[in-house]
Structure formats: structure tokens, C-alpha cells
Amino acid sequence: MRDKEQETLEHTFAQINTYDLIFLLPMAWLFSYLPVHGLWSIVVNLFIIIFVGIGLFYVTHTLVEAKKRRRR
């Protein structure tokens, strides 16, 4: 039982690292590319980051689920 819990924990940490990269890359690109001169630009950048992150999360989750269904 203990090995199963450890394996689940390691899998969870691997997914967290993947999703950290998914959110970090668009955020780093946007804040280095788009101007951040005022509050409005910052708010627009944050909305873009949030929606890109949600989209990437949805796409990766859908692809992983499709891959799991194919294995069965």
C-alpha cells in the first residue's frame, strides 16, 4: 500500500512541474514581448496568460485522456 501512495505522489509532482512550465512560458513571453507601461497593459497581459494557461491545460488533459483510452 505504501508503494502505491509513493507512486501516486511522484506522479502528482511530475504533473505539477509540467503545468508550472505550461504557465511559465506564456507568462515569460508576454511580459518580455508586450509593453507593460500602465495598469491596463498589465491587466490585459494577465488575462491573456490566464486564458492561454486554461487552454493549454485543457488541451494537455484532453490528449492524456485520449491516450489512456487508446491503451485500453
PDB file of N, CA and C in Angstrom:
ATOM      1  N   MET A   1       0.822  -1.203   0.000  1.00  0.00           N
ATOM      2  CA  MET A   1       0.000   0.000   0.000  1.00  0.00           C
ATOM      3  C   MET A   1       0.863   1.263   0.000  1.00  0.00           C
ATOM      4  N   ARG A   2       1.952   1.208   0.713  1.00  0.00           N
ATOM      5  CA  ARG A   2       2.826   2.368   0.828  1.00  0.00           C
ATOM      6  C   ARG A   2       3.478   2.718  -0.511  1.00  0.00           C
ATOM      7  N   ASP A   3       3.853   1.708  -1.288  1.00  0.00           N
ATOM      8  CA  ASP A   3       4.466   1.946  -2.595  1.00  0.00           C
ATOM      9  C   ASP A   3       3.493   2.631  -3.548  1.00  0.00           C
ATOM     10  N   LYS A   4       2.236   2.257  -3.475  1.00  0.00           N
ATOM     11  CA  LYS A   4       1.220   2.859  -4.344  1.00  0.00           C
ATOM     12  C   LYS A   4       1.056   4.343  -4.015  1.00  0.00           C
ATOM     13  N   GLU A   5       1.063   4.683  -2.738  1.00  0.00           N
ATOM     14  CA  GLU A   5       0.954   6.082  -2.323  1.00  0.00           C
ATOM     15  C   GLU A   5       2.163   6.883  -2.800  1.00  0.00           C
ATOM     16  N   GLN A   6       3.353   6.306  -2.700  1.00  0.00           N
ATOM     17  CA  GLN A   6       4.574   6.982  -3.147  1.00  0.00           C
ATOM     18  C   GLN A   6       4.537   7.199  -4.653  1.00  0.00           C
ATOM     19  N   GLU A   7       4.073   6.203  -5.386  1.00  0.00           N
ATOM     20  CA  GLU A   7       3.980   6.323  -6.841  1.00  0.00           C
ATOM     21  C   GLU A   7       2.980   7.402  -7.239  1.00  0.00           C
ATOM     22  N   THR A   8       1.860   7.462  -6.551  1.00  0.00           N
ATOM     23  CA  THR A   8       0.856   8.485  -6.823  1.00  0.00           C
ATOM     24  C   THR A   8       1.413   9.876  -6.530  1.00  0.00           C
ATOM     25  N   LEU A   9       2.139  10.004  -5.450  1.00  0.00           N
ATOM     26  CA  LEU A   9       2.737  11.287  -5.079  1.00  0.00           C
ATOM     27  C   LEU A   9       3.767  11.733  -6.124  1.00  0.00           C
ATOM     28  N   GLU A  10       4.596  10.812  -6.577  1.00  0.00           N
ATOM     29  CA  GLU A  10       5.590  11.149  -7.600  1.00  0.00           C
ATOM     30  C   GLU A  10       4.912  11.556  -8.901  1.00  0.00           C
ATOM     31  N   HIS A  11       3.830  10.875  -9.275  1.00  0.00           N
ATOM     32  CA  HIS A  11       3.088  11.221 -10.490  1.00  0.00           C
ATOM     33  C   HIS A  11       2.482  12.620 -10.361  1.00  0.00           C
ATOM     34  N   THR A  12       1.965  12.935  -9.192  1.00  0.00           N
ATOM     35  CA  THR A  12       1.376  14.253  -8.956  1.00  0.00           C
ATOM     36  C   THR A  12       2.431  15.349  -9.087  1.00  0.00           C
ATOM     37  N   PHE A  13       3.604  15.137  -8.506  1.00  0.00           N
ATOM     38  CA  PHE A  13       4.672  16.131  -8.607  1.00  0.00           C
ATOM     39  C   PHE A  13       5.147  16.291 -10.048  1.00  0.00           C
ATOM     40  N   ALA A  14       5.167  15.215 -10.805  1.00  0.00           N
ATOM     41  CA  ALA A  14       5.555  15.312 -12.213  1.00  0.00           C
ATOM     42  C   ALA A  14       4.550  16.151 -12.981  1.00  0.00           C
ATOM     43  N   GLN A  15       3.262  15.984 -12.704  1.00  0.00           N
ATOM     44  CA  GLN A  15       2.242  16.786 -13.368  1.00  0.00           C
ATOM     45  C   GLN A  15       2.329  18.241 -12.949  1.00  0.00           C
ATOM     46  N   ILE A  16       2.599  18.507 -11.694  1.00  0.00           N
ATOM     47  CA  ILE A  16       2.719  19.882 -11.223  1.00  0.00           C
ATOM     48  C   ILE A  16       3.864  20.580 -11.949  1.00  0.00           C
ATOM     49  N   ASN A  17       4.989  19.900 -12.106  1.00  0.00           N
ATOM     50  CA  ASN A  17       6.119  20.500 -12.816  1.00  0.00           C
ATOM     51  C   ASN A  17       5.757  20.798 -14.262  1.00  0.00           C
ATOM     52  N   THR A  18       5.024  19.909 -14.902  1.00  0.00           N
ATOM     53  CA  THR A  18       4.612  20.130 -16.285  1.00  0.00           C
ATOM     54  C   THR A  18       3.704  21.343 -16.381  1.00  0.00           C
ATOM     55  N   TYR A  19       2.734  21.447 -15.500  1.00  0.00           N
ATOM     56  CA  TYR A  19       1.819  22.577 -15.554  1.00  0.00           C
ATOM     57  C   TYR A  19       2.495  23.881 -15.154  1.00  0.00           C
ATOM     58  N   ASP A  20       3.505  23.833 -14.298  1.00  0.00           N
ATOM     59  CA  ASP A  20       4.279  25.036 -13.999  1.00  0.00           C
ATOM     60  C   ASP A  20       4.949  25.563 -15.265  1.00  0.00           C
ATOM     61  N   LEU A  21       5.508  24.666 -16.066  1.00  0.00           N
ATOM     62  CA  LEU A  21       6.127  25.086 -17.323  1.00  0.00           C
ATOM     63  C   LEU A  21       5.093  25.623 -18.298  1.00  0.00           C
ATOM     64  N   ILE A  22       3.920  25.001 -18.318  1.00  0.00           N
ATOM     65  CA  ILE A  22       2.868  25.455 -19.228  1.00  0.00           C
ATOM     66  C   ILE A  22       2.477  26.895 -18.910  1.00  0.00           C
ATOM     67  N   PHE A  23       2.410  27.253 -17.640  1.00  0.00           N
ATOM     68  CA  PHE A  23       2.035  28.618 -17.267  1.00  0.00           C
ATOM     69  C   PHE A  23       3.221  29.576 -17.328  1.00  0.00           C
ATOM     70  N   LEU A  24       4.418  29.095 -17.092  1.00  0.00           N
ATOM     71  CA  LEU A  24       5.589  29.964 -17.046  1.00  0.00           C
ATOM     72  C   LEU A  24       5.985  30.467 -18.436  1.00  0.00           C
ATOM     73  N   LEU A  25       5.940  29.606 -19.423  1.00  0.00           N
ATOM     74  CA  LEU A  25       6.384  30.003 -20.760  1.00  0.00           C
ATOM     75  C   LEU A  25       5.537  31.121 -21.364  1.00  0.00           C
ATOM     76  N   PRO A  26       4.203  31.023 -21.378  1.00  0.00           N
ATOM     77  CA  PRO A  26       3.437  32.155 -21.925  1.00  0.00           C
ATOM     78  C   PRO A  26       3.613  33.430 -21.113  1.00  0.00           C
ATOM     79  N   MET A  27       3.721  33.292 -19.806  1.00  0.00           N
ATOM     80  CA  MET A  27       3.876  34.473 -18.966  1.00  0.00           C
ATOM     81  C   MET A  27       5.212  35.158 -19.251  1.00  0.00           C
ATOM     82  N   ALA A  28       6.279  34.397 -19.345  1.00  0.00           N
ATOM     83  CA  ALA A  28       7.583  34.983 -19.616  1.00  0.00           C
ATOM     84  C   ALA A  28       7.606  35.631 -21.000  1.00  0.00           C
ATOM     85  N   TRP A  29       7.004  34.977 -21.984  1.00  0.00           N
ATOM     86  CA  TRP A  29       6.984  35.528 -23.331  1.00  0.00           C
ATOM     87  C   TRP A  29       6.178  36.821 -23.392  1.00  0.00           C
ATOM     88  N   LEU A  30       5.003  36.824 -22.787  1.00  0.00           N
ATOM     89  CA  LEU A  30       4.163  38.011 -22.852  1.00  0.00           C
ATOM     90  C   LEU A  30       4.788  39.206 -22.150  1.00  0.00           C
ATOM     91  N   PHE A  31       5.319  38.998 -20.972  1.00  0.00           N
ATOM     92  CA  PHE A  31       5.862  40.135 -20.247  1.00  0.00           C
ATOM     93  C   PHE A  31       7.189  40.608 -20.827  1.00  0.00           C
ATOM     94  N   SER A  32       7.848  39.786 -21.630  1.00  0.00           N
ATOM     95  CA  SER A  32       9.061  40.270 -22.287  1.00  0.00           C
ATOM     96  C   SER A  32       8.744  40.897 -23.639  1.00  0.00           C
ATOM     97  N   TYR A  33       7.652  40.498 -24.265  1.00  0.00           N
ATOM     98  CA  TYR A  33       7.312  40.967 -25.603  1.00  0.00           C
ATOM     99  C   TYR A  33       6.348  42.145 -25.593  1.00  0.00           C
ATOM    100  N   LEU A  34       5.284  42.045 -24.820  1.00  0.00           N
ATOM    101  CA  LEU A  34       4.274  43.095 -24.809  1.00  0.00           C
ATOM    102  C   LEU A  34       4.671  44.234 -23.872  1.00  0.00           C
ATOM    103  N   PRO A  35       4.309  45.443 -24.217  1.00  0.00           N
ATOM    104  CA  PRO A  35       4.651  46.568 -23.341  1.00  0.00           C
ATOM    105  C   PRO A  35       3.848  46.524 -22.038  1.00  0.00           C
ATOM    106  N   VAL A  36       4.482  46.898 -20.977  1.00  0.00           N
ATOM    107  CA  VAL A  36       3.836  46.920 -19.668  1.00  0.00           C
ATOM    108  C   VAL A  36       4.016  48.316 -19.082  1.00  0.00           C
ATOM    109  N   HIS A  37       3.436  49.314 -19.765  1.00  0.00           N
ATOM    110  CA  HIS A  37       3.630  50.699 -19.361  1.00  0.00           C
ATOM    111  C   HIS A  37       2.598  51.165 -18.333  1.00  0.00           C
ATOM    112  N   GLY A  38       1.456  50.564 -18.350  1.00  0.00           N
ATOM    113  CA  GLY A  38       0.428  51.018 -17.432  1.00  0.00           C
ATOM    114  C   GLY A  38      -0.348  49.850 -16.855  1.00  0.00           C
ATOM    115  N   LEU A  39      -1.277  50.203 -15.996  1.00  0.00           N
ATOM    116  CA  LEU A  39      -2.088  49.189 -15.323  1.00  0.00           C
ATOM    117  C   LEU A  39      -2.923  48.404 -16.327  1.00  0.00           C
ATOM    118  N   TRP A  40      -3.454  49.074 -17.332  1.00  0.00           N
ATOM    119  CA  TRP A  40      -4.300  48.397 -18.314  1.00  0.00           C
ATOM    120  C   TRP A  40      -3.511  47.317 -19.070  1.00  0.00           C
ATOM    121  N   SER A  41      -2.273  47.603 -19.456  1.00  0.00           N
ATOM    122  CA  SER A  41      -1.442  46.610 -20.144  1.00  0.00           C
ATOM    123  C   SER A  41      -1.160  45.410 -19.258  1.00  0.00           C
ATOM    124  N   ILE A  42      -0.924  45.650 -17.998  1.00  0.00           N
ATOM    125  CA  ILE A  42      -0.675  44.552 -17.057  1.00  0.00           C
ATOM    126  C   ILE A  42      -1.909  43.675 -16.930  1.00  0.00           C
ATOM    127  N   VAL A  43      -3.079  44.290 -16.819  1.00  0.00           N
ATOM    128  CA  VAL A  43      -4.328  43.529 -16.695  1.00  0.00           C
ATOM    129  C   VAL A  43      -4.584  42.708 -17.955  1.00  0.00           C
ATOM    130  N   VAL A  44      -4.377  43.300 -19.119  1.00  0.00           N
ATOM    131  CA  VAL A  44      -4.567  42.564 -20.381  1.00  0.00           C
ATOM    132  C   VAL A  44      -3.598  41.394 -20.453  1.00  0.00           C
ATOM    133  N   ASN A  45      -2.342  41.612 -20.094  1.00  0.00           N
ATOM    134  CA  ASN A  45      -1.358  40.522 -20.098  1.00  0.00           C
ATOM    135  C   ASN A  45      -1.768  39.395 -19.158  1.00  0.00           C
ATOM    136  N   LEU A  46      -2.256  39.746 -17.991  1.00  0.00           N
ATOM    137  CA  LEU A  46      -2.677  38.709 -17.044  1.00  0.00           C
ATOM    138  C   LEU A  46      -3.862  37.910 -17.575  1.00  0.00           C
ATOM    139  N   PHE A  47      -4.832  38.583 -18.205  1.00  0.00           N
ATOM    140  CA  PHE A  47      -5.956  37.857 -18.798  1.00  0.00           C
ATOM    141  C   PHE A  47      -5.482  36.925 -19.905  1.00  0.00           C
ATOM    142  N   ILE A  48      -4.554  37.391 -20.723  1.00  0.00           N
ATOM    143  CA  ILE A  48      -4.021  36.539 -21.783  1.00  0.00           C
ATOM    144  C   ILE A  48      -3.324  35.326 -21.193  1.00  0.00           C
ATOM    145  N   ILE A  49      -2.534  35.529 -20.168  1.00  0.00           N
ATOM    146  CA  ILE A  49      -1.832  34.421 -19.519  1.00  0.00           C
ATOM    147  C   ILE A  49      -2.822  33.421 -18.934  1.00  0.00           C
ATOM    148  N   ILE A  50      -3.848  33.919 -18.272  1.00  0.00           N
ATOM    149  CA  ILE A  50      -4.841  33.031 -17.665  1.00  0.00           C
ATOM    150  C   ILE A  50      -5.558  32.207 -18.728  1.00  0.00           C
ATOM    151  N   PHE A  51      -5.989  32.843 -19.806  1.00  0.00           N
ATOM    152  CA  PHE A  51      -6.716  32.104 -20.837  1.00  0.00           C
ATOM    153  C   PHE A  51      -5.816  31.148 -21.615  1.00  0.00           C
ATOM    154  N   VAL A  52      -4.577  31.540 -21.865  1.00  0.00           N
ATOM    155  CA  VAL A  52      -3.631  30.625 -22.518  1.00  0.00           C
ATOM    156  C   VAL A  52      -3.361  29.431 -21.609  1.00  0.00           C
ATOM    157  N   GLY A  53      -3.191  29.681 -20.334  1.00  0.00           N
ATOM    158  CA  GLY A  53      -2.964  28.591 -19.389  1.00  0.00           C
ATOM    159  C   GLY A  53      -4.137  27.634 -19.323  1.00  0.00           C
ATOM    160  N   ILE A  54      -5.353  28.175 -19.271  1.00  0.00           N
ATOM    161  CA  ILE A  54      -6.544  27.320 -19.250  1.00  0.00           C
ATOM    162  C   ILE A  54      -6.625  26.504 -20.531  1.00  0.00           C
ATOM    163  N   GLY A  55      -6.350  27.129 -21.661  1.00  0.00           N
ATOM    164  CA  GLY A  55      -6.390  26.416 -22.933  1.00  0.00           C
ATOM    165  C   GLY A  55      -5.346  25.320 -23.004  1.00  0.00           C
ATOM    166  N   LEU A  56      -4.123  25.612 -22.584  1.00  0.00           N
ATOM    167  CA  LEU A  56      -3.073  24.598 -22.602  1.00  0.00           C
ATOM    168  C   LEU A  56      -3.379  23.461 -21.632  1.00  0.00           C
ATOM    169  N   PHE A  57      -3.920  23.785 -20.480  1.00  0.00           N
ATOM    170  CA  PHE A  57      -4.311  22.759 -19.520  1.00  0.00           C
ATOM    171  C   PHE A  57      -5.377  21.854 -20.128  1.00  0.00           C
ATOM    172  N   TYR A  58      -6.373  22.446 -20.768  1.00  0.00           N
ATOM    173  CA  TYR A  58      -7.454  21.671 -21.370  1.00  0.00           C
ATOM    174  C   TYR A  58      -6.930  20.770 -22.491  1.00  0.00           C
ATOM    175  N   VAL A  59      -6.054  21.304 -23.326  1.00  0.00           N
ATOM    176  CA  VAL A  59      -5.514  20.526 -24.440  1.00  0.00           C
ATOM    177  C   VAL A  59      -4.674  19.355 -23.925  1.00  0.00           C
ATOM    178  N   THR A  60      -3.790  19.609 -22.956  1.00  0.00           N
ATOM    179  CA  THR A  60      -2.956  18.530 -22.439  1.00  0.00           C
ATOM    180  C   THR A  60      -3.795  17.486 -21.727  1.00  0.00           C
ATOM    181  N   HIS A  61      -4.793  17.926 -20.966  1.00  0.00           N
ATOM    182  CA  HIS A  61      -5.667  16.982 -20.269  1.00  0.00           C
ATOM    183  C   HIS A  61      -6.440  16.129 -21.272  1.00  0.00           C
ATOM    184  N   THR A  62      -6.938  16.734 -22.331  1.00  0.00           N
ATOM    185  CA  THR A  62      -7.674  16.004 -23.357  1.00  0.00           C
ATOM    186  C   THR A  62      -6.774  15.002 -24.069  1.00  0.00           C
ATOM    187  N   LEU A  63      -5.554  15.399 -24.391  1.00  0.00           N
ATOM    188  CA  LEU A  63      -4.628  14.492 -25.063  1.00  0.00           C
ATOM    189  C   LEU A  63      -4.232  13.311 -24.175  1.00  0.00           C
ATOM    190  N   VAL A  64      -4.008  13.568 -22.907  1.00  0.00           N
ATOM    191  CA  VAL A  64      -3.656  12.488 -21.980  1.00  0.00           C
ATOM    192  C   VAL A  64      -4.824  11.511 -21.842  1.00  0.00           C
ATOM    193  N   GLU A  65      -6.025  12.024 -21.717  1.00  0.00           N
ATOM    194  CA  GLU A  65      -7.202  11.148 -21.606  1.00  0.00           C
ATOM    195  C   GLU A  65      -7.406  10.338 -22.881  1.00  0.00           C
ATOM    196  N   ALA A  66      -7.194  10.950 -24.032  1.00  0.00           N
ATOM    197  CA  ALA A  66      -7.333  10.222 -25.295  1.00  0.00           C
ATOM    198  C   ALA A  66      -6.277   9.124 -25.402  1.00  0.00           C
ATOM    199  N   LYS A  67      -5.084   9.406 -24.939  1.00  0.00           N
ATOM    200  CA  LYS A  67      -4.023   8.410 -24.978  1.00  0.00           C
ATOM    201  C   LYS A  67      -4.349   7.240 -24.043  1.00  0.00           C
ATOM    202  N   LYS A  68      -4.908   7.544 -22.871  1.00  0.00           N
ATOM    203  CA  LYS A  68      -5.301   6.491 -21.932  1.00  0.00           C
ATOM    204  C   LYS A  68      -6.410   5.621 -22.516  1.00  0.00           C
ATOM    205  N   ARG A  69      -7.358   6.232 -23.208  1.00  0.00           N
ATOM    206  CA  ARG A  69      -8.449   5.454 -23.809  1.00  0.00           C
ATOM    207  C   ARG A  69      -7.953   4.557 -24.936  1.00  0.00           C
ATOM    208  N   ARG A  70      -6.950   5.000 -25.655  1.00  0.00           N
ATOM    209  CA  ARG A  70      -6.405   4.181 -26.744  1.00  0.00           C
ATOM    210  C   ARG A  70      -5.692   2.945 -26.230  1.00  0.00           C
ATOM    211  N   ARG A  71      -5.073   3.046 -25.059  1.00  0.00           N
ATOM    212  CA  ARG A  71      -4.339   1.923 -24.491  1.00  0.00           C
ATOM    213  C   ARG A  71      -5.287   0.797 -24.064  1.00  0.00           C
ATOM    214  N   ARG A  72      -6.507   1.113 -23.752  1.00  0.00           N
ATOM    215  CA  ARG A  72      -7.464   0.094 -23.266  1.00  0.00           C
ATOM    216  C   ARG A  72      -7.945  -0.777 -24.347  1.00  0.00           C
TER     217      ARG A  72
END
